[in-house]
Amino acid sequence: RIYIGNLDWSVDWKILKDHLKPYGGDLKYVNIPQDNQGRSKGFALVEYGSPDDATRIIGTINDTVLNGRMMFAREDKEDRNNKFTIDNDNYQVDNNDNNNATGVSLNGRIYIGNLDWSVD
């Protein structure tokens, strides 16, 4: 999987898919998570059929411009056991962890930035 960051909010999965098509490779899916208002979160998870395709695409599209924003691309660092699905444009994670109702692994630490000063 590839993580593509710094996407303009107007970029949807179709725009990104069309942007990636000329670079070739066996593109399996493009997923751009959305917030509660249906707006893009500014990043995408993309999967290719082979690790070689993914590595080549990362080297090719990193620091290229889409809709006026310079994207960055890297290998996705999330747990490879997570399965990402799209259901009516909603982003879901299922990592087969029956003890965790959210479906997201809670091992380790996460950083959450840009919080309002009033958040405790």
PDB file of N, CA and C in Angstrom:
ATOM      1  N   ARG A   1       0.834  -1.192   0.000  1.00  0.00           N
ATOM      2  CA  ARG A   1       0.000   0.000   0.000  1.00  0.00           C
ATOM      3  C   ARG A   1       0.869   1.243   0.000  1.00  0.00           C
ATOM      4  N   ILE A   2       0.321   2.294  -0.577  1.00  0.00           N
ATOM      5  CA  ILE A   2       0.993   3.593  -0.641  1.00  0.00           C
ATOM      6  C   ILE A   2       0.138   4.617   0.093  1.00  0.00           C
ATOM      7  N   TYR A   3       0.795   5.462   0.889  1.00  0.00           N
ATOM      8  CA  TYR A   3       0.161   6.611   1.526  1.00  0.00           C
ATOM      9  C   TYR A   3       0.522   7.813   0.671  1.00  0.00           C
ATOM     10  N   ILE A   4      -0.489   8.553   0.220  1.00  0.00           N
ATOM     11  CA  ILE A   4      -0.264   9.777  -0.554  1.00  0.00           C
ATOM     12  C   ILE A   4      -0.846  10.922   0.262  1.00  0.00           C
ATOM     13  N   GLY A   5       0.000  11.881   0.614  1.00  0.00           N
ATOM     14  CA  GLY A   5      -0.426  12.979   1.469  1.00  0.00           C
ATOM     15  C   GLY A   5      -0.406  14.321   0.768  1.00  0.00           C
ATOM     16  N   ASN A   6      -0.953  15.306   1.475  1.00  0.00           N
ATOM     17  CA  ASN A   6      -1.040  16.705   1.040  1.00  0.00           C
ATOM     18  C   ASN A   6      -1.949  16.874  -0.176  1.00  0.00           C
ATOM     19  N   LEU A   7      -3.032  16.097  -0.212  1.00  0.00           N
ATOM     20  CA  LEU A   7      -3.990  16.221  -1.308  1.00  0.00           C
ATOM     21  C   LEU A   7      -4.926  17.398  -1.057  1.00  0.00           C
ATOM     22  N   ASP A   8      -5.263  18.087  -2.122  1.00  0.00           N
ATOM     23  CA  ASP A   8      -6.266  19.145  -2.056  1.00  0.00           C
ATOM     24  C   ASP A   8      -7.614  18.525  -1.700  1.00  0.00           C
ATOM     25  N   TRP A   9      -8.423  19.240  -0.926  1.00  0.00           N
ATOM     26  CA  TRP A   9      -9.717  18.704  -0.506  1.00  0.00           C
ATOM     27  C   TRP A   9     -10.643  18.379  -1.671  1.00  0.00           C
ATOM     28  N   SER A  10     -10.416  19.005  -2.818  1.00  0.00           N
ATOM     29  CA  SER A  10     -11.289  18.763  -3.975  1.00  0.00           C
ATOM     30  C   SER A  10     -10.960  17.455  -4.693  1.00  0.00           C
ATOM     31  N   VAL A  11      -9.834  16.830  -4.360  1.00  0.00           N
ATOM     32  CA  VAL A  11      -9.433  15.589  -5.033  1.00  0.00           C
ATOM     33  C   VAL A  11     -10.248  14.427  -4.465  1.00  0.00           C
ATOM     34  N   ASP A  12     -10.973  13.748  -5.347  1.00  0.00           N
ATOM     35  CA  ASP A  12     -11.687  12.535  -4.935  1.00  0.00           C
ATOM     36  C   ASP A  12     -10.970  11.325  -5.534  1.00  0.00           C
ATOM     37  N   TRP A  13     -11.471  10.124  -5.233  1.00  0.00           N
ATOM     38  CA  TRP A  13     -10.782   8.910  -5.672  1.00  0.00           C
ATOM     39  C   TRP A  13     -10.704   8.814  -7.184  1.00  0.00           C
ATOM     40  N   LYS A  14     -11.716   9.334  -7.895  1.00  0.00           N
ATOM     41  CA  LYS A  14     -11.707   9.265  -9.359  1.00  0.00           C
ATOM     42  C   LYS A  14     -10.606  10.150  -9.943  1.00  0.00           C
ATOM     43  N   ILE A  15     -10.456  11.356  -9.390  1.00  0.00           N
ATOM     44  CA  ILE A  15      -9.415  12.275  -9.869  1.00  0.00           C
ATOM     45  C   ILE A  15      -8.038  11.672  -9.629  1.00  0.00           C
ATOM     46  N   LEU A  16      -7.821  11.119  -8.426  1.00  0.00           N
ATOM     47  CA  LEU A  16      -6.521  10.536  -8.122  1.00  0.00           C
ATOM     48  C   LEU A  16      -6.256   9.306  -8.988  1.00  0.00           C
ATOM     49  N   LYS A  17      -7.260   8.466  -9.176  1.00  0.00           N
ATOM     50  CA  LYS A  17      -7.110   7.277 -10.030  1.00  0.00           C
ATOM     51  C   LYS A  17      -6.713   7.694 -11.447  1.00  0.00           C
ATOM     52  N   ASP A  18      -7.382   8.706 -11.986  1.00  0.00           N
ATOM     53  CA  ASP A  18      -7.062   9.181 -13.330  1.00  0.00           C
ATOM     54  C   ASP A  18      -5.654   9.776 -13.387  1.00  0.00           C
ATOM     55  N   HIS A  19      -5.232  10.413 -12.296  1.00  0.00           N
ATOM     56  CA  HIS A  19      -3.879  10.971 -12.241  1.00  0.00           C
ATOM     57  C   HIS A  19      -2.826   9.855 -12.217  1.00  0.00           C
ATOM     58  N   LEU A  20      -3.122   8.754 -11.544  1.00  0.00           N
ATOM     59  CA  LEU A  20      -2.163   7.658 -11.410  1.00  0.00           C
ATOM     60  C   LEU A  20      -2.114   6.745 -12.630  1.00  0.00           C
ATOM     61  N   LYS A  21      -3.199   6.708 -13.408  1.00  0.00           N
ATOM     62  CA  LYS A  21      -3.310   5.781 -14.541  1.00  0.00           C
ATOM     63  C   LYS A  21      -2.133   5.839 -15.521  1.00  0.00           C
ATOM     64  N   PRO A  22      -1.673   7.031 -15.929  1.00  0.00           N
ATOM     65  CA  PRO A  22      -0.574   7.077 -16.901  1.00  0.00           C
ATOM     66  C   PRO A  22       0.740   6.478 -16.407  1.00  0.00           C
ATOM     67  N   TYR A  23       0.893   6.333 -15.101  1.00  0.00           N
ATOM     68  CA  TYR A  23       2.130   5.789 -14.537  1.00  0.00           C
ATOM     69  C   TYR A  23       2.164   4.262 -14.595  1.00  0.00           C
ATOM     70  N   GLY A  24       1.058   3.651 -14.985  1.00  0.00           N
ATOM     71  CA  GLY A  24       1.010   2.205 -15.157  1.00  0.00           C
ATOM     72  C   GLY A  24       0.885   1.455 -13.844  1.00  0.00           C
ATOM     73  N   GLY A  25       1.121   0.157 -13.915  1.00  0.00           N
ATOM     74  CA  GLY A  25       1.005  -0.694 -12.740  1.00  0.00           C
ATOM     75  C   GLY A  25      -0.399  -1.242 -12.591  1.00  0.00           C
ATOM     76  N   ASP A  26      -0.509  -2.260 -11.771  1.00  0.00           N
ATOM     77  CA  ASP A  26      -1.778  -2.936 -11.524  1.00  0.00           C
ATOM     78  C   ASP A  26      -2.461  -2.267 -10.326  1.00  0.00           C
ATOM     79  N   LEU A  27      -3.149  -1.151 -10.575  1.00  0.00           N
ATOM     80  CA  LEU A  27      -3.819  -0.381  -9.538  1.00  0.00           C
ATOM     81  C   LEU A  27      -5.039  -1.143  -9.036  1.00  0.00           C
ATOM     82  N   LYS A  28      -5.042  -1.506  -7.748  1.00  0.00           N
ATOM     83  CA  LYS A  28      -6.134  -2.289  -7.159  1.00  0.00           C
ATOM     84  C   LYS A  28      -7.234  -1.397  -6.590  1.00  0.00           C
ATOM     85  N   TYR A  29      -6.877  -0.394  -5.804  1.00  0.00           N
ATOM     86  CA  TYR A  29      -7.880   0.532  -5.291  1.00  0.00           C
ATOM     87  C   TYR A  29      -7.260   1.838  -4.857  1.00  0.00           C
ATOM     88  N   VAL A  30      -8.118   2.863  -4.795  1.00  0.00           N
ATOM     89  CA  VAL A  30      -7.766   4.185  -4.292  1.00  0.00           C
ATOM     90  C   VAL A  30      -8.821   4.531  -3.257  1.00  0.00           C
ATOM     91  N   ASN A  31      -8.381   4.913  -2.067  1.00  0.00           N
ATOM     92  CA  ASN A  31      -9.307   5.251  -0.990  1.00  0.00           C
ATOM     93  C   ASN A  31      -8.901   6.589  -0.389  1.00  0.00           C
ATOM     94  N   ILE A  32      -9.798   7.576  -0.444  1.00  0.00           N
ATOM     95  CA  ILE A  32      -9.563   8.878   0.168  1.00  0.00           C
ATOM     96  C   ILE A  32     -10.574   9.026   1.303  1.00  0.00           C
ATOM     97  N   PRO A  33     -10.131   8.848   2.550  1.00  0.00           N
ATOM     98  CA  PRO A  33     -11.047   8.961   3.690  1.00  0.00           C
ATOM     99  C   PRO A  33     -11.660  10.351   3.776  1.00  0.00           C
ATOM    100  N   GLN A  34     -12.879  10.404   4.304  1.00  0.00           N
ATOM    101  CA  GLN A  34     -13.606  11.662   4.445  1.00  0.00           C
ATOM    102  C   GLN A  34     -13.976  11.900   5.900  1.00  0.00           C
ATOM    103  N   ASP A  35     -14.147  13.182   6.236  1.00  0.00           N
ATOM    104  CA  ASP A  35     -14.589  13.524   7.584  1.00  0.00           C
ATOM    105  C   ASP A  35     -16.115  13.414   7.657  1.00  0.00           C
ATOM    106  N   ASN A  36     -16.686  13.820   8.787  1.00  0.00           N
ATOM    107  CA  ASN A  36     -18.139  13.697   8.981  1.00  0.00           C
ATOM    108  C   ASN A  36     -18.959  14.548   8.024  1.00  0.00           C
ATOM    109  N   GLN A  37     -18.367  15.600   7.489  1.00  0.00           N
ATOM    110  CA  GLN A  37     -19.065  16.453   6.528  1.00  0.00           C
ATOM    111  C   GLN A  37     -18.871  15.998   5.082  1.00  0.00           C
ATOM    112  N   GLY A  38     -18.176  14.878   4.885  1.00  0.00           N
ATOM    113  CA  GLY A  38     -17.967  14.357   3.534  1.00  0.00           C
ATOM    114  C   GLY A  38     -16.799  14.998   2.812  1.00  0.00           C
ATOM    115  N   ARG A  39     -15.968  15.763   3.531  1.00  0.00           N
ATOM    116  CA  ARG A  39     -14.828  16.424   2.920  1.00  0.00           C
ATOM    117  C   ARG A  39     -13.592  15.529   3.062  1.00  0.00           C
ATOM    118  N   SER A  40     -12.759  15.543   2.049  1.00  0.00           N
ATOM    119  CA  SER A  40     -11.532  14.753   2.064  1.00  0.00           C
ATOM    120  C   SER A  40     -10.673  15.104   3.272  1.00  0.00           C
ATOM    121  N   LYS A  41     -10.000  14.089   3.830  1.00  0.00           N
ATOM    122  CA  LYS A  41      -9.063  14.326   4.929  1.00  0.00           C
ATOM    123  C   LYS A  41      -7.678  14.712   4.416  1.00  0.00           C
ATOM    124  N   GLY A  42      -7.506  14.794   3.093  1.00  0.00           N
ATOM    125  CA  GLY A  42      -6.261  15.280   2.520  1.00  0.00           C
ATOM    126  C   GLY A  42      -5.194  14.222   2.288  1.00  0.00           C
ATOM    127  N   PHE A  43      -5.569  12.947   2.398  1.00  0.00           N
ATOM    128  CA  PHE A  43      -4.620  11.880   2.098  1.00  0.00           C
ATOM    129  C   PHE A  43      -5.360  10.725   1.457  1.00  0.00           C
ATOM    130  N   ALA A  44      -4.589   9.811   0.871  1.00  0.00           N
ATOM    131  CA  ALA A  44      -5.176   8.647   0.218  1.00  0.00           C
ATOM    132  C   ALA A  44      -4.353   7.412   0.536  1.00  0.00           C
ATOM    133  N   LEU A  45      -5.008   6.275   0.512  1.00  0.00           N
ATOM    134  CA  LEU A  45      -4.365   4.976   0.596  1.00  0.00           C
ATOM    135  C   LEU A  45      -4.600   4.290  -0.743  1.00  0.00           C
ATOM    136  N   VAL A  46      -3.520   3.873  -1.366  1.00  0.00           N
ATOM    137  CA  VAL A  46      -3.579   3.300  -2.707  1.00  0.00           C
ATOM    138  C   VAL A  46      -2.895   1.939  -2.663  1.00  0.00           C
ATOM    139  N   GLU A  47      -3.485   0.969  -3.325  1.00  0.00           N
ATOM    140  CA  GLU A  47      -2.876  -0.349  -3.353  1.00  0.00           C
ATOM    141  C   GLU A  47      -2.645  -0.785  -4.788  1.00  0.00           C
ATOM    142  N   TYR A  48      -1.456  -1.341  -5.003  1.00  0.00           N
ATOM    143  CA  TYR A  48      -1.089  -1.901  -6.299  1.00  0.00           C
ATOM    144  C   TYR A  48      -0.969  -3.408  -6.177  1.00  0.00           C
ATOM    145  N   GLY A  49      -1.012  -4.091  -7.308  1.00  0.00           N
ATOM    146  CA  GLY A  49      -0.977  -5.541  -7.333  1.00  0.00           C
ATOM    147  C   GLY A  49       0.349  -6.140  -6.926  1.00  0.00           C
ATOM    148  N   SER A  50       1.440  -5.381  -7.056  1.00  0.00           N
ATOM    149  CA  SER A  50       2.742  -5.920  -6.687  1.00  0.00           C
ATOM    150  C   SER A  50       3.558  -4.871  -5.943  1.00  0.00           C
ATOM    151  N   PRO A  51       4.441  -5.314  -5.058  1.00  0.00           N
ATOM    152  CA  PRO A  51       5.325  -4.377  -4.355  1.00  0.00           C
ATOM    153  C   PRO A  51       6.228  -3.595  -5.317  1.00  0.00           C
ATOM    154  N   ASP A  52       6.636  -4.224  -6.412  1.00  0.00           N
ATOM    155  CA  ASP A  52       7.476  -3.530  -7.391  1.00  0.00           C
ATOM    156  C   ASP A  52       6.746  -2.355  -8.016  1.00  0.00           C
ATOM    157  N   ASP A  53       5.461  -2.564  -8.365  1.00  0.00           N
ATOM    158  CA  ASP A  53       4.659  -1.462  -8.906  1.00  0.00           C
ATOM    159  C   ASP A  53       4.563  -0.329  -7.889  1.00  0.00           C
ATOM    160  N   ALA A  54       4.281  -0.675  -6.638  1.00  0.00           N
ATOM    161  CA  ALA A  54       4.124   0.339  -5.595  1.00  0.00           C
ATOM    162  C   ALA A  54       5.412   1.137  -5.410  1.00  0.00           C
ATOM    163  N   THR A  55       6.538   0.449  -5.359  1.00  0.00           N
ATOM    164  CA  THR A  55       7.823   1.127  -5.181  1.00  0.00           C
ATOM    165  C   THR A  55       8.123   2.059  -6.346  1.00  0.00           C
ATOM    166  N   ARG A  56       7.850   1.603  -7.553  1.00  0.00           N
ATOM    167  CA  ARG A  56       8.087   2.430  -8.742  1.00  0.00           C
ATOM    168  C   ARG A  56       7.192   3.659  -8.741  1.00  0.00           C
ATOM    169  N   ILE A  57       5.925   3.481  -8.374  1.00  0.00           N
ATOM    170  CA  ILE A  57       4.978   4.600  -8.355  1.00  0.00           C
ATOM    171  C   ILE A  57       5.386   5.624  -7.294  1.00  0.00           C
ATOM    172  N   ILE A  58       5.810   5.158  -6.131  1.00  0.00           N
ATOM    173  CA  ILE A  58       6.253   6.084  -5.078  1.00  0.00           C
ATOM    174  C   ILE A  58       7.381   6.966  -5.610  1.00  0.00           C
ATOM    175  N   GLY A  59       8.357   6.362  -6.246  1.00  0.00           N
ATOM    176  CA  GLY A  59       9.478   7.129  -6.790  1.00  0.00           C
ATOM    177  C   GLY A  59       9.076   8.080  -7.899  1.00  0.00           C
ATOM    178  N   THR A  60       8.017   7.727  -8.614  1.00  0.00           N
ATOM    179  CA  THR A  60       7.589   8.529  -9.757  1.00  0.00           C
ATOM    180  C   THR A  60       6.694   9.699  -9.362  1.00  0.00           C
ATOM    181  N   ILE A  61       5.748   9.479  -8.441  1.00  0.00           N
ATOM    182  CA  ILE A  61       4.769  10.539  -8.142  1.00  0.00           C
ATOM    183  C   ILE A  61       5.136  11.398  -6.937  1.00  0.00           C
ATOM    184  N   ASN A  62       6.127  10.975  -6.141  1.00  0.00           N
ATOM    185  CA  ASN A  62       6.509  11.774  -4.983  1.00  0.00           C
ATOM    186  C   ASN A  62       6.953  13.163  -5.445  1.00  0.00           C
ATOM    187  N   ASP A  63       6.459  14.194  -4.779  1.00  0.00           N
ATOM    188  CA  ASP A  63       6.763  15.598  -5.095  1.00  0.00           C
ATOM    189  C   ASP A  63       6.247  16.031  -6.462  1.00  0.00           C
ATOM    190  N   THR A  64       5.147  15.417  -6.923  1.00  0.00           N
ATOM    191  CA  THR A  64       4.478  15.916  -8.126  1.00  0.00           C
ATOM    192  C   THR A  64       3.248  16.716  -7.696  1.00  0.00           C
ATOM    193  N   VAL A  65       2.708  17.497  -8.604  1.00  0.00           N
ATOM    194  CA  VAL A  65       1.606  18.409  -8.286  1.00  0.00           C
ATOM    195  C   VAL A  65       0.300  17.874  -8.854  1.00  0.00           C
ATOM    196  N   LEU A  66      -0.740  17.899  -8.018  1.00  0.00           N
ATOM    197  CA  LEU A  66      -2.097  17.552  -8.435  1.00  0.00           C
ATOM    198  C   LEU A  66      -3.025  18.626  -7.891  1.00  0.00           C
ATOM    199  N   ASN A  67      -3.785  19.249  -8.758  1.00  0.00           N
ATOM    200  CA  ASN A  67      -4.711  20.336  -8.391  1.00  0.00           C
ATOM    201  C   ASN A  67      -4.012  21.428  -7.571  1.00  0.00           C
ATOM    202  N   GLY A  68      -2.790  21.765  -7.978  1.00  0.00           N
ATOM    203  CA  GLY A  68      -2.081  22.877  -7.353  1.00  0.00           C
ATOM    204  C   GLY A  68      -1.366  22.557  -6.054  1.00  0.00           C
ATOM    205  N   ARG A  69      -1.380  21.312  -5.610  1.00  0.00           N
ATOM    206  CA  ARG A  69      -0.710  20.932  -4.357  1.00  0.00           C
ATOM    207  C   ARG A  69       0.357  19.882  -4.648  1.00  0.00           C
ATOM    208  N   MET A  70       1.525  20.054  -4.015  1.00  0.00           N
ATOM    209  CA  MET A  70       2.585  19.065  -4.180  1.00  0.00           C
ATOM    210  C   MET A  70       2.302  17.881  -3.263  1.00  0.00           C
ATOM    211  N   MET A  71       2.111  16.722  -3.862  1.00  0.00           N
ATOM    212  CA  MET A  71       1.825  15.501  -3.108  1.00  0.00           C
ATOM    213  C   MET A  71       3.129  14.882  -2.630  1.00  0.00           C
ATOM    214  N   PHE A  72       3.034  14.092  -1.572  1.00  0.00           N
ATOM    215  CA  PHE A  72       4.151  13.234  -1.215  1.00  0.00           C
ATOM    216  C   PHE A  72       3.626  11.817  -1.135  1.00  0.00           C
ATOM    217  N   ALA A  73       4.484  10.875  -1.436  1.00  0.00           N
ATOM    218  CA  ALA A  73       4.095   9.460  -1.443  1.00  0.00           C
ATOM    219  C   ALA A  73       5.146   8.659  -0.695  1.00  0.00           C
ATOM    220  N   ARG A  74       4.668   7.685   0.058  1.00  0.00           N
ATOM    221  CA  ARG A  74       5.560   6.785   0.784  1.00  0.00           C
ATOM    222  C   ARG A  74       4.830   5.464   1.001  1.00  0.00           C
ATOM    223  N   GLU A  75       5.580   4.460   1.411  1.00  0.00           N
ATOM    224  CA  GLU A  75       4.949   3.198   1.758  1.00  0.00           C
ATOM    225  C   GLU A  75       4.076   3.430   2.983  1.00  0.00           C
ATOM    226  N   ASP A  76       2.888   2.883   2.958  1.00  0.00           N
ATOM    227  CA  ASP A  76       1.987   3.010   4.103  1.00  0.00           C
ATOM    228  C   ASP A  76       2.566   2.245   5.273  1.00  0.00           C
ATOM    229  N   LYS A  77       2.604   2.870   6.433  1.00  0.00           N
ATOM    230  CA  LYS A  77       3.224   2.251   7.605  1.00  0.00           C
ATOM    231  C   LYS A  77       2.217   1.567   8.519  1.00  0.00           C
ATOM    232  N   GLU A  78       0.970   1.522   8.128  1.00  0.00           N
ATOM    233  CA  GLU A  78      -0.059   0.872   8.946  1.00  0.00           C
ATOM    234  C   GLU A  78       0.109  -0.635   8.924  1.00  0.00           C
ATOM    235  N   ASP A  79      -0.538  -1.287   9.861  1.00  0.00           N
ATOM    236  CA  ASP A  79      -0.505  -2.747   9.974  1.00  0.00           C
ATOM    237  C   ASP A  79      -1.022  -3.375   8.679  1.00  0.00           C
ATOM    238  N   ARG A  80      -0.234  -4.251   8.102  1.00  0.00           N
ATOM    239  CA  ARG A  80      -0.612  -4.901   6.844  1.00  0.00           C
ATOM    240  C   ARG A  80      -1.810  -5.825   6.991  1.00  0.00           C
ATOM    241  N   ASN A  81      -2.191  -6.202   8.215  1.00  0.00           N
ATOM    242  CA  ASN A  81      -3.344  -7.071   8.409  1.00  0.00           C
ATOM    243  C   ASN A  81      -4.657  -6.316   8.321  1.00  0.00           C
ATOM    244  N   ASN A  82      -4.599  -4.980   8.372  1.00  0.00           N
ATOM    245  CA  ASN A  82      -5.823  -4.188   8.256  1.00  0.00           C
ATOM    246  C   ASN A  82      -6.378  -4.320   6.845  1.00  0.00           C
ATOM    247  N   LYS A  83      -7.673  -4.414   6.745  1.00  0.00           N
ATOM    248  CA  LYS A  83      -8.337  -4.456   5.453  1.00  0.00           C
ATOM    249  C   LYS A  83      -9.156  -3.179   5.319  1.00  0.00           C
ATOM    250  N   PHE A  84      -8.950  -2.450   4.230  1.00  0.00           N
ATOM    251  CA  PHE A  84      -9.655  -1.205   4.005  1.00  0.00           C
ATOM    252  C   PHE A  84     -10.771  -1.445   2.998  1.00  0.00           C
ATOM    253  N   THR A  85     -11.950  -0.987   3.334  1.00  0.00           N
ATOM    254  CA  THR A  85     -13.073  -1.144   2.419  1.00  0.00           C
ATOM    255  C   THR A  85     -13.795   0.184   2.283  1.00  0.00           C
ATOM    256  N   ILE A  86     -14.498   0.334   1.192  1.00  0.00           N
ATOM    257  CA  ILE A  86     -15.304   1.522   0.961  1.00  0.00           C
ATOM    258  C   ILE A  86     -16.753   1.075   0.879  1.00  0.00           C
ATOM    259  N   ASP A  87     -17.599   1.670   1.708  1.00  0.00           N
ATOM    260  CA  ASP A  87     -19.016   1.362   1.713  1.00  0.00           C
ATOM    261  C   ASP A  87     -19.766   2.678   1.630  1.00  0.00           C
ATOM    262  N   ASN A  88     -20.307   2.985   0.462  1.00  0.00           N
ATOM    263  CA  ASN A  88     -20.997   4.254   0.243  1.00  0.00           C
ATOM    264  C   ASN A  88     -20.120   5.435   0.631  1.00  0.00           C
ATOM    265  N   ASP A  89     -18.868   5.405   0.174  1.00  0.00           N
ATOM    266  CA  ASP A  89     -17.887   6.460   0.409  1.00  0.00           C
ATOM    267  C   ASP A  89     -17.505   6.623   1.868  1.00  0.00           C
ATOM    268  N   ASN A  90     -17.778   5.635   2.724  1.00  0.00           N
ATOM    269  CA  ASN A  90     -17.312   5.670   4.103  1.00  0.00           C
ATOM    270  C   ASN A  90     -16.073   4.816   4.212  1.00  0.00           C
ATOM    271  N   TYR A  91     -15.153   5.248   5.024  1.00  0.00           N
ATOM    272  CA  TYR A  91     -13.879   4.561   5.199  1.00  0.00           C
ATOM    273  C   TYR A  91     -13.982   3.663   6.410  1.00  0.00           C
ATOM    274  N   GLN A  92     -13.645   2.404   6.235  1.00  0.00           N
ATOM    275  CA  GLN A  92     -13.755   1.464   7.341  1.00  0.00           C
ATOM    276  C   GLN A  92     -12.482   0.644   7.438  1.00  0.00           C
ATOM    277  N   VAL A  93     -12.129   0.263   8.653  1.00  0.00           N
ATOM    278  CA  VAL A  93     -10.977  -0.600   8.878  1.00  0.00           C
ATOM    279  C   VAL A  93     -11.460  -1.826   9.617  1.00  0.00           C
ATOM    280  N   ASP A  94     -11.007  -2.993   9.166  1.00  0.00           N
ATOM    281  CA  ASP A  94     -11.320  -4.237   9.866  1.00  0.00           C
ATOM    282  C   ASP A  94     -10.023  -5.002  10.020  1.00  0.00           C
ATOM    283  N   ASN A  95      -9.526  -5.087  11.261  1.00  0.00           N
ATOM    284  CA  ASN A  95      -8.279  -5.814  11.465  1.00  0.00           C
ATOM    285  C   ASN A  95      -8.502  -7.129  12.208  1.00  0.00           C
ATOM    286  N   ASN A  96      -9.732  -7.624  12.164  1.00  0.00           N
ATOM    287  CA  ASN A  96     -10.094  -8.910  12.766  1.00  0.00           C
ATOM    288  C   ASN A  96      -9.818  -8.963  14.261  1.00  0.00           C
ATOM    289  N   ASP A  97      -9.919  -7.853  14.951  1.00  0.00           N
ATOM    290  CA  ASP A  97      -9.706  -7.779  16.391  1.00  0.00           C
ATOM    291  C   ASP A  97     -11.075  -7.734  17.049  1.00  0.00           C
ATOM    292  N   ASN A  98     -11.557  -8.871  17.517  1.00  0.00           N
ATOM    293  CA  ASN A  98     -12.891  -8.946  18.101  1.00  0.00           C
ATOM    294  C   ASN A  98     -12.998  -8.261  19.456  1.00  0.00           C
ATOM    295  N   ASN A  99     -11.877  -7.958  20.087  1.00  0.00           N
ATOM    296  CA  ASN A  99     -11.896  -7.301  21.387  1.00  0.00           C
ATOM    297  C   ASN A  99     -11.989  -5.788  21.283  1.00  0.00           C
ATOM    298  N   ASN A 100     -11.949  -5.278  20.096  1.00  0.00           N
ATOM    299  CA  ASN A 100     -11.929  -3.838  19.898  1.00  0.00           C
ATOM    300  C   ASN A 100     -13.081  -3.450  18.977  1.00  0.00           C
ATOM    301  N   ALA A 101     -14.118  -2.864  19.534  1.00  0.00           N
ATOM    302  CA  ALA A 101     -15.332  -2.580  18.764  1.00  0.00           C
ATOM    303  C   ALA A 101     -15.090  -1.591  17.632  1.00  0.00           C
ATOM    304  N   THR A 102     -14.078  -0.741  17.740  1.00  0.00           N
ATOM    305  CA  THR A 102     -13.836   0.236  16.682  1.00  0.00           C
ATOM    306  C   THR A 102     -13.158  -0.371  15.476  1.00  0.00           C
ATOM    307  N   GLY A 103     -12.529  -1.539  15.630  1.00  0.00           N
ATOM    308  CA  GLY A 103     -11.829  -2.161  14.518  1.00  0.00           C
ATOM    309  C   GLY A 103     -10.442  -1.602  14.288  1.00  0.00           C
ATOM    310  N   VAL A 104      -9.988  -0.691  15.135  1.00  0.00           N
ATOM    311  CA  VAL A 104      -8.678  -0.085  14.983  1.00  0.00           C
ATOM    312  C   VAL A 104      -7.782  -0.573  16.103  1.00  0.00           C
ATOM    313  N   SER A 105      -6.602  -1.034  15.769  1.00  0.00           N
ATOM    314  CA  SER A 105      -5.682  -1.529  16.776  1.00  0.00           C
ATOM    315  C   SER A 105      -5.249  -0.400  17.692  1.00  0.00           C
ATOM    316  N   LEU A 106      -5.267  -0.645  18.996  1.00  0.00           N
ATOM    317  CA  LEU A 106      -4.901   0.376  19.962  1.00  0.00           C
ATOM    318  C   LEU A 106      -3.506   0.141  20.537  1.00  0.00           C
ATOM    319  N   ASN A 107      -2.702  -0.637  19.883  1.00  0.00           N
ATOM    320  CA  ASN A 107      -1.337  -0.872  20.339  1.00  0.00           C
ATOM    321  C   ASN A 107      -0.472   0.313  19.950  1.00  0.00           C
ATOM    322  N   GLY A 108       0.345   0.800  20.884  1.00  0.00           N
ATOM    323  CA  GLY A 108       1.250   1.899  20.578  1.00  0.00           C
ATOM    324  C   GLY A 108       0.626   3.246  20.882  1.00  0.00           C
ATOM    325  N   ARG A 109       1.291   4.303  20.402  1.00  0.00           N
ATOM    326  CA  ARG A 109       0.838   5.669  20.653  1.00  0.00           C
ATOM    327  C   ARG A 109       0.472   6.323  19.335  1.00  0.00           C
ATOM    328  N   ILE A 110      -0.418   7.300  19.405  1.00  0.00           N
ATOM    329  CA  ILE A 110      -0.747   8.098  18.231  1.00  0.00           C
ATOM    330  C   ILE A 110      -0.620   9.566  18.588  1.00  0.00           C
ATOM    331  N   TYR A 111      -0.315  10.383  17.622  1.00  0.00           N
ATOM    332  CA  TYR A 111      -0.238  11.822  17.792  1.00  0.00           C
ATOM    333  C   TYR A 111      -1.447  12.429  17.099  1.00  0.00           C
ATOM    334  N   ILE A 112      -2.151  13.289  17.802  1.00  0.00           N
ATOM    335  CA  ILE A 112      -3.282  13.996  17.212  1.00  0.00           C
ATOM    336  C   ILE A 112      -2.982  15.477  17.341  1.00  0.00           C
ATOM    337  N   GLY A 113      -2.784  16.129  16.244  1.00  0.00           N
ATOM    338  CA  GLY A 113      -2.428  17.540  16.238  1.00  0.00           C
ATOM    339  C   GLY A 113      -3.585  18.434  15.841  1.00  0.00           C
ATOM    340  N   ASN A 114      -3.353  19.723  15.933  1.00  0.00           N
ATOM    341  CA  ASN A 114      -4.289  20.741  15.475  1.00  0.00           C
ATOM    342  C   ASN A 114      -5.594  20.710  16.262  1.00  0.00           C
ATOM    343  N   LEU A 115      -5.510  20.376  17.560  1.00  0.00           N
ATOM    344  CA  LEU A 115      -6.703  20.371  18.403  1.00  0.00           C
ATOM    345  C   LEU A 115      -7.001  21.783  18.898  1.00  0.00           C
ATOM    346  N   ASP A 116      -8.254  22.056  19.104  1.00  0.00           N
ATOM    347  CA  ASP A 116      -8.674  23.331  19.685  1.00  0.00           C
ATOM    348  C   ASP A 116      -8.093  23.468  21.076  1.00  0.00           C
ATOM    349  N   TRP A 117      -7.744  24.683  21.486  1.00  0.00           N
ATOM    350  CA  TRP A 117      -7.123  24.905  22.786  1.00  0.00           C
ATOM    351  C   TRP A 117      -8.020  24.475  23.943  1.00  0.00           C
ATOM    352  N   SER A 118      -9.325  24.382  23.725  1.00  0.00           N
ATOM    353  CA  SER A 118     -10.259  24.025  24.804  1.00  0.00           C
ATOM    354  C   SER A 118     -10.354  22.518  25.059  1.00  0.00           C
ATOM    355  N   VAL A 119      -9.724  21.705  24.212  1.00  0.00           N
ATOM    356  CA  VAL A 119      -9.788  20.253  24.391  1.00  0.00           C
ATOM    357  C   VAL A 119      -8.921  19.856  25.572  1.00  0.00           C
ATOM    358  N   ASP A 120      -9.522  19.079  26.500  1.00  0.00           N
ATOM    359  CA  ASP A 120      -8.766  18.623  27.681  1.00  0.00           C
ATOM    360  C   ASP A 120      -8.105  17.303  27.415  1.00  0.00           C
TER     361      ASP A 120
END
